[in-house]
Amino acid sequence: MAEAFQVGDARVTRIPELHWDNARPHKLYPDIDAEALAIFGPYLTPGSFNPVTGGLAQGTYAWLAQVAGLNILVDTATGNDKPLPAAPALDHLHTSFLEHLAAAGVQPEQVDTVLHTHIHADHVGWNTRLHNGKWVPTFPKARHVFSVIEARYGASNDGIDPAPDLPPEILGRPDHRPLPRVYTDSMLPVIEAGLGEAIIIDGQDLLAGFSFHPTPGHSIDHASIRLQSDGEEAWFTGDVMHHPLQVYRPDLRSVYCEFVQPAEHSRRWLLKEAAESGSLCFTSHFAETGAGYVRRRPEGFAWEFAQPNAGDVR
């Protein structure tokens, strides 16, 4: 069943790829302390945390936003056949992602725009598919929008075009670099096909009420994307956070965050923004519905999952 939500005039549907319920907390959050789950585990819903096994539930997916006659994908998950030996759970996948997209009523050639929060393997992978041994665009008519800095850093990381000015000093020393070949396999074929649009992440309106806002840290120029439609607002949070536990403990860094301190700063900023505005948040890796609200509590924040619109579930 397609899980759909309404934001003003926009219909937003989750397009699933993977789900797992056995992520180990200390693997996902290297600095986690015993108190984190002892105190906040009871606040987490059963679909996100199993107190018996200690496993955290997560997933990978994309969001399909349909508004103003456009089919817009926000991120594109991991993709099939991608060689990712450094990330075994994502290596050479064979999933039904495109079938799920079709179940939501959209074929690849009907996608008008792809918006990217950042260029990591599990957010850009379905940009391309393997055809006769070559990576070709999956969405052949779509305008693919992404950060110019993310693209330059990706090209440099893959040895295509050096970028000695990156990363900028203000971010500090990176904890690690992005996975190799992500830019080469999932971005370059799109750019070479004339479908890429590199932008500055500065909060300006882009199209149909979408705007990119800087939330760097998880990646070099990570963006969170705001949707405003008919007086309502939502955020596509990208990888500012990976699990509801980080809503309660925003100091916890994910093992995947490249710039640790900026990532925490961005997470706290978005949590405050979402709590104050009451905006619906479309996450990238939370389990269950993947969408919800950040609520204020006396000493911080809490997470409340949203349920799909009953009339929109198919």
Protein backbone atom coordinates (compact mmCIF):
# COMPACT_ATOMS: atom_id res chain seq x y z
CA MET A 1 0.00 0.00 0.00
CA ALA A 2 1.22 3.49 -0.82
CA GLU A 3 1.47 5.71 2.26
CA ALA A 4 0.36 9.20 1.24
CA PHE A 5 0.16 12.48 3.13
CA GLN A 6 -1.38 15.81 2.19
CA VAL A 7 0.49 19.11 2.55
CA GLY A 8 -1.73 21.87 1.22
CA ASP A 9 -2.25 21.04 -2.45
CA ALA A 10 0.65 18.57 -2.49
CA ARG A 11 0.22 14.83 -2.17
CA VAL A 12 3.37 13.19 -0.76
CA THR A 13 3.81 9.42 -1.02
CA ARG A 14 6.54 7.24 0.42
CA ILE A 15 8.26 4.99 -2.13
CA PRO A 16 9.90 2.19 -0.10
CA GLU A 17 13.11 0.36 -0.89
CA LEU A 18 14.49 -1.44 2.20
CA HIS A 19 13.46 -2.06 5.80
CA TRP A 20 15.37 -3.64 8.66
CA ASP A 21 14.78 -3.88 12.40
CA ASN A 22 18.16 -5.05 13.71
CA ALA A 23 20.38 -1.96 13.60
CA ARG A 24 22.66 -2.03 16.64
CA PRO A 25 22.60 1.24 18.58
CA HIS A 26 26.36 1.34 19.22
CA LYS A 27 27.04 0.72 15.52
CA LEU A 28 24.75 3.51 14.38
CA TYR A 29 25.76 5.91 17.16
CA PRO A 30 29.42 5.35 18.12
CA ASP A 31 29.24 7.70 21.12
CA ILE A 32 26.02 6.34 22.60
CA ASP A 33 25.87 5.89 26.37
CA ALA A 34 23.85 3.42 28.41
CA GLU A 35 21.49 6.15 29.58
CA ALA A 36 20.31 7.02 26.06
CA LEU A 37 18.05 4.00 25.62
CA ALA A 38 17.50 3.45 29.33
CA ILE A 39 15.91 6.90 29.57
CA PHE A 40 14.43 7.40 26.12
CA GLY A 41 13.76 3.83 24.99
CA PRO A 42 10.32 3.92 26.64
CA TYR A 43 9.46 6.97 24.52
CA LEU A 44 10.19 5.09 21.29
CA THR A 45 7.38 3.20 19.58
CA PRO A 46 7.59 -0.60 19.08
CA GLY A 47 7.99 -0.17 15.34
CA SER A 48 11.19 1.80 15.89
CA PHE A 49 12.83 0.07 18.88
CA ASN A 50 12.67 -3.46 20.23
CA PRO A 51 13.57 -3.32 23.95
CA VAL A 52 14.03 -7.10 24.05
CA THR A 53 16.60 -7.37 21.27
CA GLY A 54 17.85 -3.80 21.52
CA GLY A 55 17.47 -3.41 17.76
CA LEU A 56 16.62 -0.15 16.05
CA ALA A 57 14.33 -0.21 13.00
CA GLN A 58 15.20 1.82 9.91
CA GLY A 59 14.64 1.87 6.18
CA THR A 60 15.58 3.46 2.88
CA TYR A 61 13.03 5.11 0.62
CA ALA A 62 12.21 8.15 -1.49
CA TRP A 63 9.32 10.61 -1.35
CA LEU A 64 7.08 11.36 -4.33
CA ALA A 65 5.50 14.83 -4.19
CA GLN A 66 2.71 15.54 -6.65
CA VAL A 67 1.81 19.21 -6.89
CA ALA A 68 1.01 21.76 -9.60
CA GLY A 69 0.80 18.95 -12.15
CA LEU A 70 4.38 17.82 -11.43
CA ASN A 71 5.78 14.51 -10.24
CA ILE A 72 8.73 15.34 -8.00
CA LEU A 73 11.00 12.81 -6.31
CA VAL A 74 12.91 13.86 -3.21
CA ASP A 75 16.02 11.67 -3.15
CA THR A 76 16.10 8.32 -4.93
CA ALA A 77 17.28 5.74 -2.36
CA THR A 78 20.08 3.25 -3.21
CA GLY A 79 19.25 1.69 -6.55
CA ASN A 80 19.78 -1.81 -7.90
CA ASP A 81 23.10 -3.37 -8.88
CA LYS A 82 25.23 -0.62 -7.34
CA PRO A 83 28.69 -1.86 -6.28
CA LEU A 84 28.94 -0.76 -2.64
CA PRO A 85 31.22 -3.32 -0.95
CA ALA A 86 32.01 -0.90 1.88
CA ALA A 87 28.29 -0.91 2.76
CA PRO A 88 27.29 -4.60 2.53
CA ALA A 89 23.63 -3.96 3.35
CA LEU A 90 23.39 -1.80 0.21
CA ASP A 91 25.71 -3.74 -2.10
CA HIS A 92 24.24 -5.02 -5.40
CA LEU A 93 20.61 -4.69 -4.36
CA HIS A 94 17.67 -6.13 -6.27
CA THR A 95 14.57 -4.39 -4.93
CA SER A 96 11.11 -3.52 -6.24
CA PHE A 97 11.52 0.25 -5.92
CA LEU A 98 10.29 1.03 -9.44
CA GLU A 99 7.31 -1.26 -8.94
CA HIS A 100 6.44 0.71 -5.80
CA LEU A 101 6.73 3.93 -7.79
CA ALA A 102 4.40 2.47 -10.41
CA ALA A 103 1.95 1.48 -7.66
CA ALA A 104 1.82 5.17 -6.74
CA GLY A 105 0.79 5.88 -10.33
CA VAL A 106 4.08 7.11 -11.78
CA GLN A 107 6.39 5.56 -14.36
CA PRO A 108 10.07 6.66 -14.57
CA GLU A 109 9.49 8.74 -17.71
CA GLN A 110 6.70 10.63 -15.89
CA VAL A 111 9.03 12.01 -13.21
CA ASP A 112 9.51 15.72 -13.88
CA THR A 113 12.04 16.66 -11.21
CA VAL A 114 14.40 14.97 -8.77
CA LEU A 115 15.51 16.98 -5.74
CA HIS A 116 18.55 15.82 -3.79
CA THR A 117 19.22 16.57 -0.13
CA HIS A 118 22.80 15.34 -0.61
CA ILE A 119 24.96 13.02 -2.68
CA HIS A 120 25.29 9.84 -0.64
CA ALA A 121 24.85 6.29 -1.95
CA ASP A 122 21.41 5.72 -0.42
CA HIS A 123 19.98 9.02 -1.67
CA VAL A 124 21.01 9.17 -5.33
CA GLY A 125 21.19 5.53 -6.38
CA TRP A 126 18.03 5.26 -8.46
CA ASN A 127 19.16 8.22 -10.55
CA THR A 128 20.66 5.57 -12.79
CA ARG A 129 20.04 1.96 -13.72
CA LEU A 130 22.28 -0.62 -15.37
CA HIS A 131 21.55 -1.10 -19.07
CA ASN A 132 23.82 -3.19 -21.29
CA GLY A 133 26.65 -2.76 -18.82
CA LYS A 134 26.32 1.04 -18.61
CA TRP A 135 24.71 3.33 -16.08
CA VAL A 136 21.93 5.32 -17.75
CA PRO A 137 19.39 7.79 -16.32
CA THR A 138 16.38 6.08 -14.77
CA PHE A 139 14.22 9.20 -15.09
CA PRO A 140 15.06 10.33 -18.63
CA LYS A 141 12.90 13.46 -18.67
CA ALA A 142 13.59 14.69 -15.14
CA ARG A 143 15.50 17.77 -14.08
CA HIS A 144 17.89 16.60 -11.32
CA VAL A 145 18.66 19.35 -8.80
CA PHE A 146 21.60 19.11 -6.40
CA SER A 147 24.20 21.16 -4.55
CA VAL A 148 27.10 22.35 -6.68
CA ILE A 149 29.43 21.84 -3.71
CA GLU A 150 28.20 18.28 -3.16
CA ALA A 151 28.80 17.53 -6.84
CA ARG A 152 32.28 19.05 -6.87
CA TYR A 153 33.24 17.13 -3.73
CA GLY A 154 31.86 13.91 -5.21
CA ALA A 155 33.81 14.38 -8.43
CA SER A 156 36.95 15.06 -6.44
CA ASN A 157 36.37 12.04 -4.21
CA ASP A 158 36.16 9.84 -7.32
CA GLY A 159 39.32 11.34 -8.82
CA ILE A 160 37.48 12.95 -11.73
CA ASP A 161 38.08 16.63 -11.03
CA PRO A 162 40.19 17.83 -8.06
CA ALA A 163 38.63 20.33 -5.66
CA PRO A 164 41.50 21.52 -3.44
CA ASP A 165 39.28 24.15 -1.79
CA LEU A 166 36.99 21.46 -0.37
CA PRO A 167 36.02 20.83 2.31
CA PRO A 168 35.93 24.42 3.61
CA GLU A 169 37.78 25.08 6.85
CA ILE A 170 34.60 26.18 8.60
CA LEU A 171 33.36 22.56 8.67
CA GLY A 172 36.52 21.26 10.33
CA ARG A 173 38.26 18.02 9.56
CA PRO A 174 35.99 15.32 8.12
CA ASP A 175 35.51 12.15 10.14
CA HIS A 176 35.58 10.22 6.85
CA ARG A 177 35.02 10.72 3.15
CA PRO A 178 31.95 9.68 1.11
CA LEU A 179 31.81 6.21 -0.37
CA PRO A 180 33.67 5.94 -3.69
CA ARG A 181 31.97 5.71 -7.10
CA VAL A 182 28.68 7.20 -5.91
CA TYR A 183 29.20 10.31 -8.03
CA THR A 184 30.59 8.31 -10.95
CA ASP A 185 27.78 5.75 -11.09
CA SER A 186 24.76 7.75 -9.93
CA MET A 187 25.42 11.42 -10.76
CA LEU A 188 27.78 11.67 -13.72
CA PRO A 189 25.54 9.83 -16.22
CA VAL A 190 22.69 12.20 -15.36
CA ILE A 191 24.92 15.26 -15.76
CA GLU A 192 26.38 14.01 -19.04
CA ALA A 193 22.83 13.46 -20.34
CA GLY A 194 22.09 17.15 -19.74
CA LEU A 195 19.65 16.43 -16.92
CA GLY A 196 21.63 17.94 -14.03
CA GLU A 197 21.16 21.33 -12.40
CA ALA A 198 23.72 22.30 -9.76
CA ILE A 199 22.53 25.02 -7.36
CA ILE A 200 23.71 27.07 -4.40
CA ILE A 201 21.95 26.00 -1.19
CA ASP A 202 20.65 29.36 0.02
CA GLY A 203 16.95 29.01 0.88
CA GLN A 204 15.62 30.50 -2.33
CA ASP A 205 12.38 29.17 -3.81
CA LEU A 206 13.08 26.68 -6.57
CA LEU A 207 9.78 25.38 -7.92
CA ALA A 208 6.23 24.63 -6.78
CA GLY A 209 6.91 25.83 -3.24
CA PHE A 210 10.18 23.91 -2.74
CA SER A 211 13.29 25.54 -1.29
CA PHE A 212 16.70 24.16 -0.26
CA HIS A 213 18.03 25.18 3.18
CA PRO A 214 21.60 24.60 4.41
CA THR A 215 21.95 21.88 7.05
CA PRO A 216 25.59 20.83 6.50
CA GLY A 217 27.49 18.29 8.54
CA HIS A 218 26.12 14.91 7.65
CA SER A 219 27.64 15.68 4.27
CA ILE A 220 29.62 18.62 3.00
CA ASP A 221 26.64 20.67 1.78
CA HIS A 222 23.62 18.73 3.00
CA ALA A 223 20.30 20.47 2.48
CA SER A 224 16.91 20.06 4.09
CA ILE A 225 14.10 20.84 1.68
CA ARG A 226 11.05 22.84 2.68
CA LEU A 227 7.70 22.47 0.94
CA GLN A 228 5.13 25.24 1.28
CA SER A 229 1.70 24.75 -0.27
CA ASP A 230 -1.63 26.49 0.31
CA GLY A 231 -0.64 27.77 3.75
CA GLU A 232 0.84 24.47 4.95
CA GLU A 233 4.50 23.52 5.37
CA ALA A 234 6.60 20.37 5.53
CA TRP A 235 10.30 19.50 5.68
CA PHE A 236 12.17 16.77 3.89
CA THR A 237 14.86 16.30 6.51
CA GLY A 238 17.38 14.21 4.59
CA ASP A 239 19.96 12.77 6.95
CA VAL A 240 19.89 15.45 9.63
CA MET A 241 18.74 12.53 11.78
CA HIS A 242 18.57 8.78 11.17
CA HIS A 243 16.26 7.53 13.93
CA PRO A 244 13.73 9.04 16.38
CA LEU A 245 16.27 8.52 19.17
CA GLN A 246 18.16 11.54 17.86
CA VAL A 247 15.12 13.73 18.39
CA TYR A 248 15.43 13.02 22.11
CA ARG A 249 19.23 12.99 22.04
CA PRO A 250 20.37 15.39 19.29
CA ASP A 251 23.93 15.19 20.59
CA LEU A 252 24.21 11.63 19.25
CA ARG A 253 26.16 11.58 15.99
CA SER A 254 25.50 8.99 13.35
CA VAL A 255 28.43 6.91 12.17
CA TYR A 256 27.59 8.18 8.68
CA CYS A 257 28.03 11.88 9.48
CA GLU A 258 31.13 13.32 7.83
CA PHE A 259 31.47 16.54 9.87
CA VAL A 260 30.40 15.80 13.42
CA GLN A 261 29.96 19.19 15.10
CA PRO A 262 28.25 20.91 12.13
CA ALA A 263 25.91 17.91 11.86
CA GLU A 264 24.78 18.36 15.46
CA HIS A 265 24.33 22.11 14.95
CA SER A 266 22.15 21.47 11.87
CA ARG A 267 20.13 18.81 13.70
CA ARG A 268 19.37 21.15 16.59
CA TRP A 269 18.45 23.95 14.19
CA LEU A 270 15.99 21.79 12.25
CA LEU A 271 14.44 20.30 15.38
CA LYS A 272 13.80 23.80 16.73
CA GLU A 273 12.43 24.99 13.39
CA ALA A 274 10.12 21.99 13.00
CA ALA A 275 8.87 22.18 16.59
CA GLU A 276 8.13 25.90 16.41
CA SER A 277 6.40 25.73 13.03
CA GLY A 278 4.52 22.49 13.69
CA SER A 279 5.55 21.33 10.22
CA LEU A 280 5.24 17.74 9.10
CA CYS A 281 8.68 16.14 8.69
CA PHE A 282 9.40 13.59 5.98
CA THR A 283 12.48 11.70 7.13
CA SER A 284 14.82 9.51 5.11
CA HIS A 285 15.44 6.51 7.36
CA PHE A 286 12.84 6.40 10.14
CA ALA A 287 10.76 3.23 10.15
CA GLU A 288 6.97 3.01 10.44
CA THR A 289 5.38 5.77 8.32
CA GLY A 290 8.65 7.69 7.95
CA ALA A 291 6.81 10.96 8.63
CA GLY A 292 5.93 12.81 11.80
CA TYR A 293 6.15 15.84 14.01
CA VAL A 294 8.78 17.23 16.35
CA ARG A 295 7.14 18.29 19.61
CA ARG A 296 8.52 20.37 22.43
CA ARG A 297 8.99 18.74 25.82
CA PRO A 298 10.26 20.45 28.99
CA GLU A 299 13.91 19.51 28.43
CA GLY A 300 14.10 19.14 24.68
CA PHE A 301 12.12 17.51 21.90
CA ALA A 302 9.91 14.49 21.27
CA TRP A 303 8.82 12.64 18.12
CA GLU A 304 5.27 11.78 17.08
CA PHE A 305 4.69 9.64 13.99
CA ALA A 306 2.06 10.88 11.54
CA GLN A 307 -0.42 8.51 9.95
CA PRO A 308 -1.16 8.53 6.22
CA ASN A 309 -4.36 10.18 5.08
CA ALA A 310 -7.00 7.46 5.23
CA GLY A 311 -8.49 8.50 1.92
CA ASP A 312 -5.12 8.36 0.18
CA VAL A 313 -3.92 4.92 1.19
CA ARG A 314 -4.14 2.38 -1.62
